[in-house]
PDB file of all heavy atoms in Angstrom:
ATOM      1  N   ASN A   1     202.932 -90.639 223.672  1.00  0.00           N
ATOM      2  CA  ASN A   1     202.740 -89.999 224.964  1.00  0.00           C
ATOM      3  C   ASN A   1     201.261 -89.818 225.313  1.00  0.00           C
ATOM      4  O   ASN A   1     200.917 -89.039 226.197  1.00  0.00           O
ATOM      5  CB  ASN A   1     203.484 -88.666 225.006  1.00  0.00           C
ATOM      6  CG  ASN A   1     204.980 -88.857 225.126  1.00  0.00           C
ATOM      7  OD1 ASN A   1     205.463 -89.435 226.099  1.00  0.00           O
ATOM      8  ND2 ASN A   1     205.730 -88.406 224.128  1.00  0.00           N
ATOM      9  N   GLY A   2     200.392 -90.537 224.613  1.00  0.00           N
ATOM     10  CA  GLY A   2     199.023 -90.680 225.077  1.00  0.00           C
ATOM     11  C   GLY A   2     197.941 -89.848 224.437  1.00  0.00           C
ATOM     12  O   GLY A   2     196.829 -89.780 224.969  1.00  0.00           O
ATOM     13  N   CYS A   3     198.202 -89.215 223.279  1.00  0.00           N
ATOM     14  CA  CYS A   3     197.158 -88.424 222.623  1.00  0.00           C
ATOM     15  C   CYS A   3     196.419 -89.256 221.579  1.00  0.00           C
ATOM     16  O   CYS A   3     197.004 -90.131 220.932  1.00  0.00           O
ATOM     17  CB  CYS A   3     197.752 -87.181 221.973  1.00  0.00           C
ATOM     18  SG  CYS A   3     198.390 -85.999 223.197  1.00  0.00           S
ATOM     19  N   ASP A   4     195.143 -88.949 221.412  1.00  0.00           N
ATOM     20  CA  ASP A   4     194.275 -89.727 220.533  1.00  0.00           C
ATOM     21  C   ASP A   4     193.869 -88.979 219.269  1.00  0.00           C
ATOM     22  O   ASP A   4     193.614 -89.604 218.240  1.00  0.00           O
ATOM     23  CB  ASP A   4     192.998 -90.127 221.287  1.00  0.00           C
ATOM     24  CG  ASP A   4     193.303 -90.819 222.606  1.00  0.00           C
ATOM     25  OD1 ASP A   4     193.875 -91.919 222.562  1.00  0.00           O
ATOM     26  OD2 ASP A   4     192.984 -90.242 223.669  1.00  0.00           O
ATOM     27  N   LEU A   5     193.783 -87.653 219.347  1.00  0.00           N
ATOM     28  CA  LEU A   5     193.359 -86.837 218.217  1.00  0.00           C
ATOM     29  C   LEU A   5     194.335 -85.679 218.029  1.00  0.00           C
ATOM     30  O   LEU A   5     194.896 -85.164 219.003  1.00  0.00           O
ATOM     31  CB  LEU A   5     191.956 -86.282 218.443  1.00  0.00           C
ATOM     32  CG  LEU A   5     190.823 -87.300 218.601  1.00  0.00           C
ATOM     33  CD1 LEU A   5     189.556 -86.612 219.083  1.00  0.00           C
ATOM     34  CD2 LEU A   5     190.562 -88.047 217.301  1.00  0.00           C
ATOM     35  N   PHE A   6     194.513 -85.267 216.774  1.00  0.00           N
ATOM     36  CA  PHE A   6     195.439 -84.190 216.437  1.00  0.00           C
ATOM     37  C   PHE A   6     194.806 -83.339 215.337  1.00  0.00           C
ATOM     38  O   PHE A   6     194.142 -83.863 214.448  1.00  0.00           O
ATOM     39  CB  PHE A   6     196.763 -84.745 215.904  1.00  0.00           C
ATOM     40  CG  PHE A   6     197.456 -85.699 216.830  1.00  0.00           C
ATOM     41  CD1 PHE A   6     197.043 -87.023 216.917  1.00  0.00           C
ATOM     42  CD2 PHE A   6     198.522 -85.287 217.619  1.00  0.00           C
ATOM     43  CE1 PHE A   6     197.683 -87.917 217.771  1.00  0.00           C
ATOM     44  CE2 PHE A   6     199.170 -86.163 218.471  1.00  0.00           C
ATOM     45  CZ  PHE A   6     198.744 -87.489 218.552  1.00  0.00           C
ATOM     46  N   ASP A   7     195.016 -82.028 215.391  1.00  0.00           N
ATOM     47  CA  ASP A   7     194.585 -81.167 214.284  1.00  0.00           C
ATOM     48  C   ASP A   7     195.692 -80.182 213.961  1.00  0.00           C
ATOM     49  O   ASP A   7     196.470 -79.795 214.833  1.00  0.00           O
ATOM     50  CB  ASP A   7     193.292 -80.425 214.628  1.00  0.00           C
ATOM     51  CG  ASP A   7     193.525 -79.250 215.572  1.00  0.00           C
ATOM     52  OD1 ASP A   7     193.835 -78.150 215.092  1.00  0.00           O
ATOM     53  OD2 ASP A   7     193.419 -79.445 216.801  1.00  0.00           O
ATOM     54  N   CYS A   8     195.748 -79.780 212.703  1.00  0.00           N
ATOM     55  CA  CYS A   8     196.766 -78.803 212.301  1.00  0.00           C
ATOM     56  C   CYS A   8     196.439 -78.304 210.903  1.00  0.00           C
ATOM     57  O   CYS A   8     195.949 -79.073 210.059  1.00  0.00           O
ATOM     58  CB  CYS A   8     198.150 -79.452 212.310  1.00  0.00           C
ATOM     59  SG  CYS A   8     199.508 -78.288 212.101  1.00  0.00           S
ATOM     60  N   VAL A   9     196.703 -77.029 210.651  1.00  0.00           N
ATOM     61  CA  VAL A   9     196.471 -76.458 209.320  1.00  0.00           C
ATOM     62  C   VAL A   9     197.636 -76.741 208.372  1.00  0.00           C
ATOM     63  O   VAL A   9     197.538 -76.455 207.174  1.00  0.00           O
ATOM     64  CB  VAL A   9     196.242 -74.940 209.392  1.00  0.00           C
ATOM     65  CG1 VAL A   9     195.012 -74.614 210.217  1.00  0.00           C
ATOM     66  CG2 VAL A   9     197.477 -74.219 209.959  1.00  0.00           C
ATOM     67  N   ALA A  10     198.738 -77.296 208.884  1.00  0.00           N
ATOM     68  CA  ALA A  10     199.959 -77.425 208.086  1.00  0.00           C
ATOM     69  C   ALA A  10     199.776 -78.158 206.756  1.00  0.00           C
ATOM     70  O   ALA A  10     200.285 -77.689 205.725  1.00  0.00           O
ATOM     71  CB  ALA A  10     201.065 -78.091 208.912  1.00  0.00           C
ATOM     72  N   PRO A  11     199.096 -79.305 206.695  1.00  0.00           N
ATOM     73  CA  PRO A  11     199.032 -80.028 205.416  1.00  0.00           C
ATOM     74  C   PRO A  11     198.484 -79.193 204.262  1.00  0.00           C
ATOM     75  O   PRO A  11     199.027 -79.226 203.153  1.00  0.00           O
ATOM     76  CB  PRO A  11     198.120 -81.222 205.735  1.00  0.00           C
ATOM     77  CG  PRO A  11     198.291 -81.450 207.198  1.00  0.00           C
ATOM     78  CD  PRO A  11     198.448 -80.077 207.780  1.00  0.00           C
ATOM     79  N   THR A  12     197.413 -78.440 204.516  1.00  0.00           N
ATOM     80  CA  THR A  12     196.854 -77.626 203.436  1.00  0.00           C
ATOM     81  C   THR A  12     197.610 -76.310 203.271  1.00  0.00           C
ATOM     82  O   THR A  12     197.761 -75.815 202.151  1.00  0.00           O
ATOM     83  CB  THR A  12     195.360 -77.346 203.686  1.00  0.00           C
ATOM     84  OG1 THR A  12     195.178 -76.858 205.019  1.00  0.00           O
ATOM     85  CG2 THR A  12     194.546 -78.615 203.515  1.00  0.00           C
ATOM     86  N   ARG A  13     198.096 -75.747 204.364  1.00  0.00           N
ATOM     87  CA  ARG A  13     198.824 -74.473 204.264  1.00  0.00           C
ATOM     88  C   ARG A  13     200.108 -74.637 203.458  1.00  0.00           C
ATOM     89  O   ARG A  13     200.381 -73.846 202.545  1.00  0.00           O
ATOM     90  CB  ARG A  13     199.141 -73.931 205.655  1.00  0.00           C
ATOM     91  CG  ARG A  13     199.973 -72.652 205.643  1.00  0.00           C
ATOM     92  CD  ARG A  13     200.151 -72.088 207.042  1.00  0.00           C
ATOM     93  NE  ARG A  13     198.907 -71.512 207.535  1.00  0.00           N
ATOM     94  CZ  ARG A  13     198.707 -71.121 208.791  1.00  0.00           C
ATOM     95  NH1 ARG A  13     199.664 -71.284 209.684  1.00  0.00           N
ATOM     96  NH2 ARG A  13     197.553 -70.583 209.150  1.00  0.00           N
ATOM     97  N   ILE A  14     200.894 -75.645 203.780  1.00  0.00           N
ATOM     98  CA  ILE A  14     202.142 -75.827 203.021  1.00  0.00           C
ATOM     99  C   ILE A  14     201.840 -76.317 201.610  1.00  0.00           C
ATOM    100  O   ILE A  14     202.574 -76.003 200.669  1.00  0.00           O
ATOM    101  CB  ILE A  14     203.135 -76.766 203.736  1.00  0.00           C
ATOM    102  CG1 ILE A  14     202.650 -78.205 203.737  1.00  0.00           C
ATOM    103  CG2 ILE A  14     203.439 -76.288 205.147  1.00  0.00           C
ATOM    104  CD1 ILE A  14     203.708 -79.211 204.166  1.00  0.00           C
ATOM    105  N   GLY A  15     200.735 -77.072 201.465  1.00  0.00           N
ATOM    106  CA  GLY A  15     200.357 -77.539 200.139  1.00  0.00           C
ATOM    107  C   GLY A  15     200.061 -76.388 199.204  1.00  0.00           C
ATOM    108  O   GLY A  15     200.471 -76.395 198.035  1.00  0.00           O
ATOM    109  N   ARG A  16     199.355 -75.377 199.703  1.00  0.00           N
ATOM    110  CA  ARG A  16     199.036 -74.222 198.861  1.00  0.00           C
ATOM    111  C   ARG A  16     200.287 -73.444 198.467  1.00  0.00           C
ATOM    112  O   ARG A  16     200.252 -72.654 197.519  1.00  0.00           O
ATOM    113  CB  ARG A  16     198.061 -73.288 199.591  1.00  0.00           C
ATOM    114  CG  ARG A  16     196.699 -73.901 199.845  1.00  0.00           C
ATOM    115  CD  ARG A  16     195.685 -72.850 200.277  1.00  0.00           C
ATOM    116  NE  ARG A  16     196.079 -72.095 201.460  1.00  0.00           N
ATOM    117  CZ  ARG A  16     195.882 -72.492 202.711  1.00  0.00           C
ATOM    118  NH1 ARG A  16     195.327 -73.680 202.944  1.00  0.00           N
ATOM    119  NH2 ARG A  16     196.239 -71.742 203.737  1.00  0.00           N
ATOM    120  N   ASN A  17     201.373 -73.659 199.190  1.00  0.00           N
ATOM    121  CA  ASN A  17     202.630 -72.975 198.887  1.00  0.00           C
ATOM    122  C   ASN A  17     203.632 -73.870 198.159  1.00  0.00           C
ATOM    123  O   ASN A  17     204.798 -73.504 198.000  1.00  0.00           O
ATOM    124  CB  ASN A  17     203.252 -72.436 200.174  1.00  0.00           C
ATOM    125  CG  ASN A  17     202.441 -71.285 200.760  1.00  0.00           C
ATOM    126  OD1 ASN A  17     202.226 -70.284 200.106  1.00  0.00           O
ATOM    127  ND2 ASN A  17     201.974 -71.449 201.980  1.00  0.00           N
ATOM    128  N   GLY A  18     203.169 -75.045 197.736  1.00  0.00           N
ATOM    129  CA  GLY A  18     204.018 -75.899 196.905  1.00  0.00           C
ATOM    130  C   GLY A  18     204.881 -76.890 197.639  1.00  0.00           C
ATOM    131  O   GLY A  18     205.745 -77.522 197.022  1.00  0.00           O
ATOM    132  N   SER A  19     204.667 -77.068 198.949  1.00  0.00           N
ATOM    133  CA  SER A  19     205.433 -78.060 199.704  1.00  0.00           C
ATOM    134  C   SER A  19     204.579 -79.301 199.918  1.00  0.00           C
ATOM    135  O   SER A  19     203.386 -79.196 200.218  1.00  0.00           O
ATOM    136  CB  SER A  19     205.867 -77.502 201.059  1.00  0.00           C
ATOM    137  OG  SER A  19     206.828 -76.492 200.891  1.00  0.00           O
ATOM    138  N   MET A  20     205.203 -80.473 199.784  1.00  0.00           N
ATOM    139  CA  MET A  20     204.455 -81.722 199.914  1.00  0.00           C
ATOM    140  C   MET A  20     205.248 -82.741 200.709  1.00  0.00           C
ATOM    141  O   MET A  20     206.480 -82.796 200.631  1.00  0.00           O
ATOM    142  CB  MET A  20     204.091 -82.270 198.538  1.00  0.00           C
ATOM    143  CG  MET A  20     202.860 -81.611 197.932  1.00  0.00           C
ATOM    144  SD  MET A  20     202.706 -81.901 196.165  1.00  0.00           S
ATOM    145  CE  MET A  20     203.628 -80.515 195.537  1.00  0.00           C
ATOM    146  N   TYR A  21     204.509 -83.540 201.463  1.00  0.00           N
ATOM    147  CA  TYR A  21     205.124 -84.626 202.225  1.00  0.00           C
ATOM    148  C   TYR A  21     205.391 -85.810 201.290  1.00  0.00           C
ATOM    149  O   TYR A  21     204.587 -86.122 200.405  1.00  0.00           O
ATOM    150  CB  TYR A  21     204.187 -85.107 203.338  1.00  0.00           C
ATOM    151  CG  TYR A  21     203.775 -84.060 204.331  1.00  0.00           C
ATOM    152  CD1 TYR A  21     202.428 -83.721 204.492  1.00  0.00           C
ATOM    153  CD2 TYR A  21     204.708 -83.401 205.124  1.00  0.00           C
ATOM    154  CE1 TYR A  21     202.027 -82.765 205.413  1.00  0.00           C
ATOM    155  CE2 TYR A  21     204.320 -82.440 206.041  1.00  0.00           C
ATOM    156  CZ  TYR A  21     202.977 -82.130 206.184  1.00  0.00           C
ATOM    157  OH  TYR A  21     202.589 -81.181 207.095  1.00  0.00           O
ATOM    158  N   THR A  22     206.539 -86.457 201.503  1.00  0.00           N
ATOM    159  CA  THR A  22     206.814 -87.738 200.852  1.00  0.00           C
ATOM    160  C   THR A  22     207.463 -88.641 201.886  1.00  0.00           C
ATOM    161  O   THR A  22     207.855 -88.191 202.972  1.00  0.00           O
ATOM    162  CB  THR A  22     207.767 -87.589 199.645  1.00  0.00           C
ATOM    163  OG1 THR A  22     209.120 -87.403 200.124  1.00  0.00           O
ATOM    164  CG2 THR A  22     207.373 -86.413 198.746  1.00  0.00           C
ATOM    165  N   LYS A  23     207.594 -89.899 201.544  1.00  0.00           N
ATOM    166  CA  LYS A  23     208.223 -90.839 202.486  1.00  0.00           C
ATOM    167  C   LYS A  23     209.667 -90.459 202.766  1.00  0.00           C
ATOM    168  O   LYS A  23     210.229 -90.843 203.785  1.00  0.00           O
ATOM    169  CB  LYS A  23     208.145 -92.267 201.929  1.00  0.00           C
ATOM    170  CG  LYS A  23     206.731 -92.831 201.916  1.00  0.00           C
ATOM    171  CD  LYS A  23     206.716 -94.277 201.493  1.00  0.00           C
ATOM    172  CE  LYS A  23     207.060 -94.465 200.041  1.00  0.00           C
ATOM    173  NZ  LYS A  23     206.040 -93.921 199.109  1.00  0.00           N
ATOM    174  N   GLN A  24     210.287 -89.689 201.845  1.00  0.00           N
ATOM    175  CA  GLN A  24     211.676 -89.248 202.041  1.00  0.00           C
ATOM    176  C   GLN A  24     211.772 -87.842 202.628  1.00  0.00           C
ATOM    177  O   GLN A  24     212.847 -87.263 202.679  1.00  0.00           O
ATOM    178  CB  GLN A  24     212.429 -89.303 200.707  1.00  0.00           C
ATOM    179  CG  GLN A  24     212.813 -90.703 200.260  1.00  0.00           C
ATOM    180  CD  GLN A  24     211.605 -91.502 199.796  1.00  0.00           C
ATOM    181  OE1 GLN A  24     210.762 -90.981 199.074  1.00  0.00           O
ATOM    182  NE2 GLN A  24     211.517 -92.760 200.207  1.00  0.00           N
ATOM    183  N   GLY A  25     210.667 -87.286 203.068  1.00  0.00           N
ATOM    184  CA  GLY A  25     210.666 -85.948 203.643  1.00  0.00           C
ATOM    185  C   GLY A  25     209.916 -84.962 202.764  1.00  0.00           C
ATOM    186  O   GLY A  25     209.367 -85.323 201.722  1.00  0.00           O
TER     187      GLY A  25
END
């Protein structure tokens, strides 16, 4: 839908709480 840049604290915030992204979710 036309956006070029994105920011979010989620990757590090959830990482510090033990959640991690994988290709399966």
